[in-house]
Structures are given as C-alpha cells and as structure tokens.
Amino acid sequence: MIKSAETFPSERQILFDRLADKLETAYNLSRKVVSFQANKDEPIYRWFKYKEGFSSALVKYFLSEYSPKPGKVLDPFAGAGTTLFAGQEIGWEAHGIELLPVGSFVMETREALNKIDTIKLKATIKTLWADIAKLEKYHNHIAHISITKDAFPEETEISLNKYLTYCSKLKDKRIQTLLKFAAFSVLEEISYTRKDGQYLRWDYRSKRDLSGKPFDKGKILSFEEAVKTKLQNIVQDLSPTQNTSLFEQFETNGIEKLPVNILSGSCLEELPKFKSNSFDFVVTSPPYCNRYDYTRTYALELVFLGNNNDQVRNLRQSMLSCTVENKEKIDYLKQFYTSIGQEKSFENILNVYNNSSAMTEVNSILDELNKLEKLNNSNIARMVKNYFFEMCFVIFEMARVTKSGGYCVMVNDNVRYGGEEIPVDLILSEFADNFGYNINKIFVLPKGKGNSSQQMGSYGRTEVRKCVYLWQKR
C-alpha cells in the first residue's frame, strides 16, 4: 500500500515544512492576471489566442517592482513573446528563446508591426480578393501531416492555398507577414477541429472515422469570411484614430525601445551559450508537467508554417519532457555538455537532481503506482522524472546567467497523478537554492487548479497550487 504525503511526514512534507515560510497567498494575483486572459486587450493577442503564457501586466509588475532601472531580461521559454515585448515597452533589453515555430511566427509578426506602412496595407487589402480571383495558378502551400489530414473543407483548402500563393508574391515582407498571420489566426475557425486540452477534437462533419459521441463545434466559417473579419479587426487596431493599446505600446513615452532578440531553438542548447552573470532578470513560464503536447494542439499552425511529419516529430522530442511520448535526454545532455567542455557542470546538475529526497520519493511512488496499474498511462512516471531532470538543467543555466542580486520569476502549476500531488513549486525551488538562488517568495494564487475529471472520480475534488516563484541570485 502506498502512503500519501498526508498520512506521514514524507520527504515532500519535510520539504514543505522547510519552505513553508516562503509560501504566501497573493491576493493581487488572480488566474486571469497570471494567465494569457489578461492579454485580451492587446491587439496581437486578440488576433491570435496563444493560451500558453502569462500576462504583460505580470511581467511589467515584477520588472518595475524589483528593479530600480531597466536592464537585460531573458525568457528561455519565450512563447509568443509576452516577456520580451512587455520588457521592451518599459525600456528593457529583451532576449528570448523559443522552440515552437508557432510562437516564433507570432513574434515575427509583432516585430513587423513596428514598421508596417498602414496606408499601403489598407490599399493591399482593398484589392486583395479581386487580385486573388485573377490568379490563374496556385501552389499547394498546405502539405498535411497525418494528424491534420482533411482538417478543412475542400473549398476552404483551395481558398487558403490561393491566398498563400498571392501572399508569397508580395514584395513588402511586412505586409506579407501580416496577411499570412491573418490566415494563420483563423485556422481553427475554418477547420473541422477545436483545440481541446492536449489534442485536437474533430467535428462530426469531417471525413474522419470518429468514435464516441459526435462532436458539433458549431458554425464553421468560410475562409474568405473569416479572413475578412480578421483583417478588419487588424486594420481597426492599427488605425491611429482608434484609442487602442496597440498604438500606446508603440509610443515611446520618452523610453528608448531596444530591439527584441529572439533565438529559435531549445533552451537546453541555447542557454549554455550565454555568458555568465549577463542578465538582470529572468521572467518565464516553462511548459507544465501536465501531458499537454503543443505539437498536437498547434498541429494546424505547424503545417501552415511548412512543418512536415518528421519536423513535427523532432519538435515533439526536442521540447521539454511534458508529454508521455518524450524520450529521456540524459545521454544527449551528457554528450552535449561534454562537447562544450562542461562535464563538471553536467555532474553537478546530475548530483543536485539525484540528491533531492522529495524528487526521489516522487519517482519511487510513481514507479510503484505504475506497477499497480494505477496510472492511466504507463509513461507518466518517465515523463515526470525527465521533466524535473531537464528543468534542473534549465534552472542551473538560468542561475548561471543571472547577475548577483538579479531575479528570476517563474510561473508554474503543481500537478497530481494517481492521487499523488507533485509539489513542482517546492522541488524546482530546491533546485534553484542549490544553484545559487535565494527563495524569496513562492506566491500562491488564491484559487488553485482542480484535478482532472478522471482523477476526481477516484480521489475527489482537490486543488493543487498555482504559483509564481520569486528567486534572487546570491
């Protein structure tokens, strides 16, 4: 019989007791403020809902509250660039790393907006559909992969390919980017799919053989209808006569706005390339240990951006281990750190991971639950083990590049598997303490996150902590 942390002073309880005075309920932080929802007033996020992120307000709050003047800020999981552009707005030199092309394209679009010719854009849109109708030939820009095949009605797919053929002929690269972004932003609306947790959910009208109760996503917009509406919204937000936050964000207000620096790739490879003690602040939200596979959730967007089956599969394996399909990266990381002459760093990180009693306990309990077939997927134990192992490397590198006295702010959720809560906040903070950060605070949101409906049936309705960690480099 496996005992839970509530029935005896487990290693997790011991770690909780050690860090209990760092936990503080933050009544000024709601799920809305911490999550992407607070970004809905910013046009770029109204145009495309990138849910894997936090709010600009959160970034600006911590940068302004804990730093007397702007400096250099880093986000190793940059997503759609919230940290980078929020930092830029208040004078920070912003650097980010992002692996998923979806986020990179959103950031590319946002950069294009800074210098776009709105008069020329409006003129292009005015003749857009007439110009597309004149096309005699078009290319098949959308090359589907297995998980996106037949995602669009045939007429929609033809219209989408004609539109992209037209865009590819535009000489103004900024306008080309923005028009492509308009189509990119409506893929879900014009498809038979809906993003649903870690997968795409398919409408009953698709050609796919679907099991279970038929799903009706409601009205599926035509391509032209959806893009026309999106472009109208974009032009309205770009209009200088509108009192919108977009133009407020482009006003200098006496602050010099430095270029945003974006690296495409895995932070496991890119972080070690930065110089030590080079950043004043790190603000980030890594993928949660929650089984969400962003390469599936954003499969349509990845195909739109030209990714094939092999590229999507490689992306999935390159991402931080947060899905049951991820293979362990220990051999790869050992080889990588050896190749850059950092064998000692690798051993140090490995020792910190192995010496975490709470981590060892979590791994042991999940292995035992696996044997008892009490986990709904046999790869969950491996995923959790590798998630924390890889985050140990990320935290080591973040601490290395943070200046003495500098801060790291991280947003993350705790998780629960097989009824066992995994204190992500405490374990990652323990890693951070070992690598030179002081644990100033673990801000706990007043309302936590409920466990899944599947787990509620077995273990009842319980909440796990949603937190914002504040660490300071010694």
Protein backbone atom coordinates (compact mmCIF):
# COMPACT_ATOMS: atom_id res chain seq x y z
CA MET A 1 0.00 0.00 0.00
CA ILE A 2 1.30 3.43 -0.94
CA LYS A 3 1.01 6.10 1.72
CA SER A 4 0.37 9.66 0.71
CA ALA A 5 2.11 12.78 1.95
CA GLU A 6 -0.91 13.48 4.15
CA THR A 7 -0.57 10.31 6.24
CA PHE A 8 3.07 10.51 7.30
CA PRO A 9 5.93 13.03 7.23
CA SER A 10 7.20 12.14 3.79
CA GLU A 11 10.14 13.79 2.06
CA ARG A 12 7.67 16.09 0.34
CA GLN A 13 6.26 17.10 3.71
CA ILE A 14 9.75 17.73 5.04
CA LEU A 15 10.50 19.95 2.05
CA PHE A 16 7.16 21.71 2.53
CA ASP A 17 7.98 22.40 6.18
CA ARG A 18 11.38 23.79 5.18
CA LEU A 19 9.90 26.18 2.62
CA ALA A 20 6.54 26.88 4.29
CA ASP A 21 7.52 30.40 5.32
CA LYS A 22 8.24 31.22 1.67
CA LEU A 23 4.69 30.38 0.59
CA GLU A 24 2.48 33.44 0.52
CA THR A 25 -1.07 33.75 -0.76
CA ALA A 26 -1.01 36.55 -3.30
CA TYR A 27 -4.48 38.08 -3.31
CA ASN A 28 -3.40 40.57 -6.00
CA LEU A 29 -2.67 37.68 -8.39
CA SER A 30 -5.67 36.00 -9.99
CA ARG A 31 -5.61 33.29 -12.63
CA LYS A 32 -6.66 35.97 -15.11
CA VAL A 33 -3.70 38.23 -14.26
CA VAL A 34 -1.21 35.39 -14.34
CA SER A 35 -2.58 33.66 -17.45
CA PHE A 36 -2.96 34.81 -21.05
CA GLN A 37 -6.52 36.03 -20.37
CA ALA A 38 -5.35 39.46 -19.23
CA ASN A 39 -3.72 39.99 -22.64
CA LYS A 40 -7.06 40.12 -24.45
CA ASP A 41 -6.90 43.92 -24.51
CA GLU A 42 -3.69 43.79 -26.54
CA PRO A 43 -4.45 43.50 -30.25
CA ILE A 44 -1.82 40.92 -31.13
CA TYR A 45 -3.38 38.54 -28.58
CA ARG A 46 -6.90 39.37 -29.68
CA TRP A 47 -5.92 38.39 -33.19
CA PHE A 48 -4.40 35.06 -32.16
CA LYS A 49 -5.17 33.34 -28.85
CA TYR A 50 -1.92 31.84 -27.64
CA LYS A 51 -3.06 30.34 -24.34
CA GLU A 52 0.33 29.04 -23.17
CA GLY A 53 1.55 32.16 -21.46
CA PHE A 54 1.12 34.83 -18.84
CA SER A 55 0.08 38.46 -18.97
CA SER A 56 2.08 41.55 -19.92
CA ALA A 57 0.84 43.16 -16.70
CA LEU A 58 2.52 40.44 -14.64
CA VAL A 59 5.84 40.95 -16.43
CA LYS A 60 5.75 44.74 -16.06
CA TYR A 61 4.80 44.46 -12.39
CA PHE A 62 7.80 42.33 -11.44
CA LEU A 63 10.29 44.19 -13.64
CA SER A 64 9.19 47.55 -12.23
CA GLU A 65 8.74 46.43 -8.62
CA TYR A 66 12.05 44.63 -8.22
CA SER A 67 14.42 46.62 -10.41
CA PRO A 68 15.25 50.32 -9.94
CA LYS A 69 16.03 50.75 -13.64
CA PRO A 70 15.75 48.78 -16.90
CA GLY A 71 18.40 46.21 -17.68
CA LYS A 72 18.59 42.92 -19.56
CA VAL A 73 15.73 40.43 -19.28
CA LEU A 74 15.63 36.84 -20.53
CA ASP A 75 12.81 34.40 -21.21
CA PRO A 76 14.11 30.92 -22.12
CA PHE A 77 10.55 29.76 -22.94
CA ALA A 78 9.52 32.87 -24.85
CA GLY A 79 6.23 31.58 -26.29
CA ALA A 80 4.54 34.43 -28.14
CA GLY A 81 6.94 36.96 -26.63
CA THR A 82 4.99 38.45 -23.73
CA THR A 83 8.11 38.93 -21.57
CA LEU A 84 10.12 40.31 -24.48
CA PHE A 85 7.64 42.89 -25.70
CA ALA A 86 6.41 43.90 -22.24
CA GLY A 87 10.04 44.42 -21.26
CA GLN A 88 10.75 46.35 -24.45
CA GLU A 89 7.84 48.70 -23.75
CA ILE A 90 9.39 49.82 -20.47
CA GLY A 91 12.94 50.12 -21.74
CA TRP A 92 14.45 46.69 -21.12
CA GLU A 93 16.85 44.90 -23.46
CA ALA A 94 14.92 41.69 -24.05
CA HIS A 95 16.22 38.28 -25.10
CA GLY A 96 14.18 35.14 -25.66
CA ILE A 97 14.49 31.53 -26.75
CA GLU A 98 11.61 29.69 -28.38
CA LEU A 99 11.48 26.23 -29.91
CA LEU A 100 7.92 26.09 -31.25
CA PRO A 101 7.61 27.87 -34.64
CA VAL A 102 4.10 28.98 -33.69
CA GLY A 103 5.39 31.38 -31.05
CA SER A 104 8.25 32.48 -33.28
CA PHE A 105 5.82 33.45 -36.05
CA VAL A 106 3.67 35.48 -33.63
CA MET A 107 6.81 37.32 -32.51
CA GLU A 108 7.91 37.85 -36.12
CA THR A 109 4.51 39.40 -36.84
CA ARG A 110 4.73 41.64 -33.82
CA GLU A 111 8.15 42.85 -34.94
CA ALA A 112 6.74 43.56 -38.42
CA LEU A 113 4.02 45.74 -36.89
CA ASN A 114 6.60 48.18 -35.56
CA LYS A 115 7.42 49.49 -39.04
CA ILE A 116 4.46 48.49 -41.18
CA ASP A 117 3.10 51.01 -43.71
CA THR A 118 -0.60 51.11 -42.75
CA ILE A 119 -1.62 53.13 -45.82
CA LYS A 120 0.00 50.57 -48.11
CA LEU A 121 -1.55 47.76 -46.05
CA LYS A 122 -5.05 49.20 -46.46
CA ALA A 123 -4.52 49.63 -50.21
CA THR A 124 -3.37 46.00 -50.48
CA ILE A 125 -6.40 44.74 -48.55
CA LYS A 126 -8.77 46.86 -50.67
CA THR A 127 -7.89 44.94 -53.84
CA LEU A 128 -6.96 41.67 -52.11
CA TRP A 129 -9.88 39.45 -53.11
CA ALA A 130 -10.08 40.79 -56.67
CA ASP A 131 -6.34 40.17 -57.09
CA ILE A 132 -6.67 36.63 -55.73
CA ALA A 133 -9.54 35.94 -58.15
CA LYS A 134 -7.22 36.83 -61.06
CA LEU A 135 -4.72 34.11 -60.11
CA GLU A 136 -4.56 31.53 -62.89
CA LYS A 137 -2.41 29.08 -60.95
CA TYR A 138 -1.79 28.47 -57.29
CA HIS A 139 0.57 26.33 -55.24
CA ASN A 140 -0.43 23.80 -52.59
CA HIS A 141 1.23 25.52 -49.65
CA ILE A 142 -0.53 23.30 -47.11
CA ALA A 143 1.08 19.85 -47.05
CA HIS A 144 -0.84 17.95 -44.39
CA ILE A 145 0.59 15.51 -41.91
CA SER A 146 -1.31 12.51 -40.56
CA ILE A 147 -2.87 14.35 -37.62
CA THR A 148 -4.18 17.23 -39.78
CA LYS A 149 -5.36 15.38 -42.89
CA ASP A 150 -8.82 16.51 -44.04
CA ALA A 151 -8.94 19.25 -41.41
CA PHE A 152 -10.54 21.73 -43.84
CA PRO A 153 -13.48 21.57 -46.22
CA GLU A 154 -12.15 21.16 -49.78
CA GLU A 155 -13.30 24.63 -50.88
CA THR A 156 -11.64 26.18 -47.83
CA GLU A 157 -8.34 24.45 -48.54
CA ILE A 158 -8.34 25.72 -52.13
CA SER A 159 -9.06 29.27 -50.94
CA LEU A 160 -6.32 29.04 -48.33
CA ASN A 161 -3.74 27.89 -50.89
CA LYS A 162 -4.73 30.63 -53.35
CA TYR A 163 -4.42 33.22 -50.61
CA LEU A 164 -0.95 32.00 -49.60
CA THR A 165 0.14 31.96 -53.25
CA TYR A 166 -0.92 35.60 -53.51
CA CYS A 167 0.88 36.49 -50.26
CA SER A 168 4.10 34.88 -51.48
CA LYS A 169 4.17 37.29 -54.45
CA LEU A 170 4.02 40.45 -52.31
CA LYS A 171 7.25 42.44 -52.29
CA ASP A 172 6.61 44.17 -48.97
CA LYS A 173 7.69 41.50 -46.47
CA ARG A 174 5.96 43.17 -43.50
CA ILE A 175 2.60 43.25 -45.28
CA GLN A 176 3.19 39.69 -46.48
CA THR A 177 3.82 38.60 -42.89
CA LEU A 178 0.70 40.33 -41.57
CA LEU A 179 -1.57 38.91 -44.27
CA LYS A 180 -0.21 35.43 -43.64
CA PHE A 181 -0.77 35.99 -39.93
CA ALA A 182 -4.44 36.83 -40.59
CA ALA A 183 -4.93 33.40 -42.19
CA PHE A 184 -2.80 31.73 -39.51
CA SER A 185 -5.11 33.20 -36.86
CA VAL A 186 -8.33 31.70 -38.27
CA LEU A 187 -7.23 28.10 -38.92
CA GLU A 188 -9.32 26.74 -36.07
CA GLU A 189 -12.39 28.72 -37.10
CA ILE A 190 -12.33 27.42 -40.68
CA SER A 191 -11.46 23.80 -39.82
CA TYR A 192 -13.31 20.76 -38.52
CA THR A 193 -11.14 20.89 -35.38
CA ARG A 194 -11.11 22.56 -31.99
CA LYS A 195 -8.20 22.74 -29.57
CA ASP A 196 -9.17 20.60 -26.61
CA GLY A 197 -6.54 20.21 -23.91
CA GLN A 198 -3.69 18.16 -25.29
CA TYR A 199 -5.34 17.16 -28.58
CA LEU A 200 -7.45 18.38 -31.48
CA ARG A 201 -11.11 17.49 -31.23
CA TRP A 202 -12.81 16.67 -34.54
CA ASP A 203 -16.28 17.74 -35.69
CA TYR A 204 -18.69 15.05 -36.87
CA ARG A 205 -18.81 16.65 -40.36
CA SER A 206 -15.18 15.80 -41.12
CA LYS A 207 -14.24 12.85 -43.31
CA ARG A 208 -12.58 11.11 -40.36
CA ASP A 209 -13.90 7.92 -38.80
CA LEU A 210 -14.67 9.13 -35.28
CA SER A 211 -15.56 7.06 -32.25
CA GLY A 212 -17.61 8.14 -29.26
CA LYS A 213 -20.31 10.77 -29.02
CA PRO A 214 -20.44 13.02 -32.13
CA PHE A 215 -18.94 16.48 -31.56
CA ASP A 216 -20.52 19.56 -33.13
CA LYS A 217 -18.28 22.62 -32.97
CA GLY A 218 -20.99 24.84 -34.40
CA LYS A 219 -20.64 27.13 -37.40
CA ILE A 220 -17.53 26.59 -39.50
CA LEU A 221 -16.67 29.85 -41.24
CA SER A 222 -15.71 30.08 -44.88
CA PHE A 223 -12.10 31.13 -45.47
CA GLU A 224 -12.98 34.49 -47.03
CA GLU A 225 -15.50 35.33 -44.30
CA ALA A 226 -13.04 34.52 -41.51
CA VAL A 227 -10.06 36.36 -43.03
CA LYS A 228 -12.09 39.43 -43.99
CA THR A 229 -13.27 39.77 -40.40
CA LYS A 230 -9.76 39.25 -39.07
CA LEU A 231 -8.26 41.84 -41.42
CA GLN A 232 -10.98 44.34 -40.48
CA ASN A 233 -10.06 43.87 -36.81
CA ILE A 234 -6.37 44.26 -37.57
CA VAL A 235 -6.83 47.43 -39.63
CA GLN A 236 -9.10 48.91 -36.96
CA ASP A 237 -6.50 48.23 -34.27
CA LEU A 238 -3.76 49.70 -36.44
CA SER A 239 -5.73 52.87 -37.13
CA PRO A 240 -4.18 55.91 -35.40
CA THR A 241 -7.68 57.32 -34.92
CA GLN A 242 -8.54 54.48 -32.56
CA ASN A 243 -7.62 54.80 -28.90
CA THR A 244 -6.17 51.32 -28.69
CA SER A 245 -3.44 49.79 -26.60
CA LEU A 246 -1.54 48.82 -29.75
CA PHE A 247 -0.60 52.37 -30.55
CA GLU A 248 0.01 53.13 -26.94
CA GLN A 249 2.54 50.32 -26.92
CA PHE A 250 4.31 51.83 -29.94
CA GLU A 251 4.52 55.27 -28.35
CA THR A 252 7.97 55.87 -26.90
CA ASN A 253 6.80 57.92 -23.89
CA GLY A 254 10.41 59.05 -23.64
CA ILE A 255 11.64 55.46 -23.30
CA GLU A 256 14.13 54.11 -25.81
CA LYS A 257 12.78 50.85 -27.17
CA LEU A 258 15.58 48.44 -27.80
CA PRO A 259 15.34 45.66 -30.41
CA VAL A 260 13.93 42.34 -29.24
CA ASN A 261 16.42 39.48 -29.58
CA ILE A 262 14.86 36.10 -30.42
CA LEU A 263 16.70 32.79 -30.73
CA SER A 264 14.94 29.82 -32.34
CA GLY A 265 15.76 26.51 -30.72
CA SER A 266 15.74 24.57 -27.46
CA CYS A 267 16.77 26.41 -24.31
CA LEU A 268 18.62 23.23 -23.29
CA GLU A 269 21.02 24.00 -26.14
CA GLU A 270 20.82 27.79 -26.31
CA LEU A 271 21.04 28.77 -22.62
CA PRO A 272 24.59 27.38 -22.19
CA LYS A 273 25.78 29.74 -24.95
CA PHE A 274 25.01 32.88 -22.93
CA LYS A 275 27.74 34.49 -20.86
CA SER A 276 27.59 34.01 -17.08
CA ASN A 277 26.17 36.85 -14.97
CA SER A 278 24.76 38.66 -18.01
CA PHE A 279 21.08 39.17 -17.16
CA ASP A 280 19.39 41.30 -14.52
CA PHE A 281 16.10 39.42 -14.71
CA VAL A 282 14.64 36.16 -15.95
CA VAL A 283 10.86 36.01 -16.40
CA THR A 284 9.46 32.77 -17.75
CA SER A 285 6.81 30.09 -17.72
CA PRO A 286 8.04 26.68 -18.86
CA PRO A 287 5.69 24.03 -20.18
CA TYR A 288 3.86 22.48 -17.24
CA CYS A 289 4.26 18.84 -16.28
CA ASN A 290 0.72 18.20 -17.47
CA ARG A 291 0.95 15.95 -20.56
CA TYR A 292 -0.02 18.75 -22.96
CA ASP A 293 1.52 18.15 -26.37
CA TYR A 294 1.76 21.52 -28.10
CA THR A 295 2.82 19.90 -31.37
CA ARG A 296 -0.63 18.29 -31.48
CA THR A 297 -2.59 21.24 -30.13
CA TYR A 298 -0.98 23.53 -32.70
CA ALA A 299 -0.70 20.93 -35.46
CA LEU A 300 -2.65 23.03 -37.99
CA GLU A 301 -0.48 26.06 -37.32
CA LEU A 302 2.70 23.98 -37.66
CA VAL A 303 1.56 22.60 -41.02
CA PHE A 304 0.62 26.13 -42.12
CA LEU A 305 4.20 27.17 -41.33
CA GLY A 306 5.56 24.38 -43.51
CA ASN A 307 6.47 21.68 -40.99
CA ASN A 308 6.31 18.09 -42.21
CA ASN A 309 5.81 14.85 -40.24
CA ASP A 310 9.50 14.43 -39.42
CA GLN A 311 9.88 18.05 -38.33
CA VAL A 312 6.84 17.86 -36.05
CA ARG A 313 8.09 14.58 -34.58
CA ASN A 314 11.53 16.09 -33.97
CA LEU A 315 9.96 19.16 -32.38
CA ARG A 316 7.99 16.93 -30.02
CA GLN A 317 11.16 15.16 -28.89
CA SER A 318 13.18 18.39 -28.63
CA MET A 319 10.66 20.05 -26.33
CA LEU A 320 10.92 19.85 -22.57
CA SER A 321 9.57 16.45 -21.47
CA CYS A 322 5.96 17.26 -20.69
CA THR A 323 4.24 14.57 -22.74
CA VAL A 324 4.16 10.79 -22.38
CA GLU A 325 5.80 10.47 -25.80
CA ASN A 326 9.02 12.23 -24.83
CA LYS A 327 12.10 10.02 -24.59
CA GLU A 328 14.72 10.71 -21.92
CA LYS A 329 17.51 13.13 -22.79
CA ILE A 330 20.20 12.16 -20.26
CA ASP A 331 22.59 10.67 -22.83
CA TYR A 332 22.05 13.59 -25.17
CA LEU A 333 22.65 16.15 -22.41
CA LYS A 334 25.78 14.36 -21.22
CA GLN A 335 27.15 14.34 -24.76
CA PHE A 336 26.17 18.00 -25.29
CA TYR A 337 27.77 19.26 -22.07
CA THR A 338 30.90 17.23 -22.84
CA SER A 339 31.06 18.77 -26.33
CA ILE A 340 31.13 22.29 -24.85
CA GLY A 341 33.68 21.38 -22.18
CA GLN A 342 31.21 21.44 -19.29
CA GLU A 343 31.43 17.89 -17.97
CA LYS A 344 31.72 19.19 -14.39
CA SER A 345 28.54 21.22 -14.79
CA PHE A 346 26.72 18.14 -16.02
CA GLU A 347 27.87 16.13 -12.99
CA ASN A 348 26.90 18.98 -10.65
CA ILE A 349 23.39 19.16 -12.11
CA LEU A 350 23.01 15.39 -12.00
CA ASN A 351 24.04 15.33 -8.34
CA VAL A 352 21.55 18.06 -7.40
CA TYR A 353 18.77 16.10 -9.07
CA ASN A 354 19.77 12.78 -7.51
CA ASN A 355 20.21 14.34 -4.05
CA SER A 356 16.68 15.72 -3.92
CA SER A 357 14.90 13.42 -1.49
CA ALA A 358 11.49 14.76 -2.49
CA MET A 359 12.26 14.08 -6.15
CA THR A 360 13.45 10.56 -5.35
CA GLU A 361 10.26 9.96 -3.40
CA VAL A 362 8.05 11.18 -6.25
CA ASN A 363 9.86 8.95 -8.74
CA SER A 364 9.61 5.95 -6.40
CA ILE A 365 5.89 6.44 -5.75
CA LEU A 366 5.06 6.87 -9.45
CA ASP A 367 7.06 3.74 -10.30
CA GLU A 368 5.08 1.82 -7.68
CA LEU A 369 1.77 3.21 -8.96
CA ASN A 370 2.81 2.08 -12.41
CA LYS A 371 3.36 -1.47 -11.18
CA LEU A 372 -0.08 -1.40 -9.59
CA GLU A 373 -1.54 -0.07 -12.89
CA LYS A 374 -2.96 2.97 -11.11
CA LEU A 375 -1.65 5.49 -13.64
CA ASN A 376 -3.75 5.98 -16.75
CA ASN A 377 -0.63 5.90 -18.91
CA SER A 378 2.44 3.80 -18.21
CA ASN A 379 4.77 6.56 -19.45
CA ILE A 380 3.67 9.16 -16.88
CA ALA A 381 6.38 8.10 -14.43
CA ARG A 382 9.05 8.50 -17.09
CA MET A 383 7.64 11.88 -18.17
CA VAL A 384 7.67 13.28 -14.62
CA LYS A 385 11.19 12.01 -13.95
CA ASN A 386 12.53 13.56 -17.16
CA TYR A 387 10.58 16.81 -16.77
CA PHE A 388 12.29 17.58 -13.48
CA PHE A 389 15.64 16.32 -14.73
CA GLU A 390 15.55 18.70 -17.68
CA MET A 391 14.23 21.57 -15.57
CA CYS A 392 17.21 21.02 -13.29
CA PHE A 393 19.47 21.87 -16.26
CA VAL A 394 17.35 24.89 -17.17
CA ILE A 395 17.45 26.27 -13.63
CA PHE A 396 21.22 25.73 -13.38
CA GLU A 397 21.72 27.73 -16.57
CA MET A 398 19.27 30.47 -15.57
CA ALA A 399 21.12 30.89 -12.28
CA ARG A 400 24.45 30.94 -14.08
CA VAL A 401 23.43 33.75 -16.44
CA THR A 402 21.67 35.84 -13.75
CA LYS A 403 23.74 38.61 -12.17
CA SER A 404 24.28 38.64 -8.43
CA GLY A 405 21.27 40.40 -6.94
CA GLY A 406 19.22 39.73 -10.07
CA TYR A 407 15.88 37.95 -10.04
CA CYS A 408 14.07 35.05 -11.63
CA VAL A 409 10.27 34.97 -11.81
CA MET A 410 8.70 31.70 -12.89
CA VAL A 411 5.03 30.79 -13.36
CA ASN A 412 4.14 27.10 -12.98
CA ASP A 413 1.43 24.77 -11.67
CA ASN A 414 1.67 21.80 -9.38
CA VAL A 415 0.27 18.54 -10.74
CA ARG A 416 -1.33 15.35 -9.43
CA TYR A 417 -1.06 11.82 -10.82
CA GLY A 418 -2.66 8.70 -9.40
CA GLY A 419 -3.93 10.80 -6.49
CA GLU A 420 -0.40 11.90 -5.55
CA GLU A 421 0.37 15.61 -5.57
CA ILE A 422 3.72 16.52 -7.06
CA PRO A 423 4.94 19.79 -5.49
CA VAL A 424 6.52 21.31 -8.59
CA ASP A 425 6.97 24.64 -6.81
CA LEU A 426 8.92 23.16 -3.91
CA ILE A 427 11.14 20.81 -5.91
CA LEU A 428 12.09 23.41 -8.52
CA SER A 429 12.77 25.92 -5.75
CA GLU A 430 15.00 23.39 -4.03
CA PHE A 431 16.96 23.03 -7.28
CA ALA A 432 17.19 26.83 -7.53
CA ASP A 433 18.53 27.09 -3.97
CA ASN A 434 21.26 24.60 -4.82
CA PHE A 435 22.32 26.61 -7.86
CA GLY A 436 22.70 29.99 -6.15
CA TYR A 437 19.22 31.50 -5.94
CA ASN A 438 17.63 32.57 -2.67
CA ILE A 439 13.97 31.58 -2.49
CA ASN A 440 12.42 34.97 -1.71
CA LYS A 441 8.78 34.01 -2.18
CA ILE A 442 6.51 31.42 -3.69
CA PHE A 443 3.40 33.43 -4.41
CA VAL A 444 0.35 31.14 -4.30
CA LEU A 445 -2.74 32.14 -6.25
CA PRO A 446 -5.85 32.32 -4.04
CA LYS A 447 -7.66 29.85 -6.27
CA GLY A 448 -5.76 26.71 -7.23
CA LYS A 449 -6.22 24.32 -10.08
CA GLY A 450 -8.63 21.40 -9.80
CA ASN A 451 -7.58 17.88 -10.69
CA SER A 452 -8.89 16.23 -13.84
CA SER A 453 -12.42 14.82 -14.01
CA GLN A 454 -10.83 11.39 -14.38
CA GLN A 455 -8.94 11.78 -11.09
CA MET A 456 -11.89 13.41 -9.34
CA GLY A 457 -13.85 10.20 -9.81
CA SER A 458 -11.22 8.25 -7.89
CA TYR A 459 -9.79 10.79 -5.45
CA GLY A 460 -12.41 13.51 -5.04
CA ARG A 461 -12.23 17.20 -5.92
CA THR A 462 -8.97 18.66 -4.69
CA GLU A 463 -6.92 21.69 -5.69
CA VAL A 464 -3.21 21.91 -6.42
CA ARG A 465 -1.21 25.09 -6.06
CA LYS A 466 -0.78 27.55 -8.90
CA CYS A 467 2.26 29.67 -8.15
CA VAL A 468 4.61 32.43 -9.17
CA TYR A 469 8.13 31.87 -7.84
CA LEU A 470 10.44 34.77 -6.99
CA TRP A 471 14.10 33.79 -6.69
CA GLN A 472 17.06 36.14 -6.21
CA LYS A 473 20.64 35.35 -7.18
CA ARG A 474 23.02 35.35 -4.26
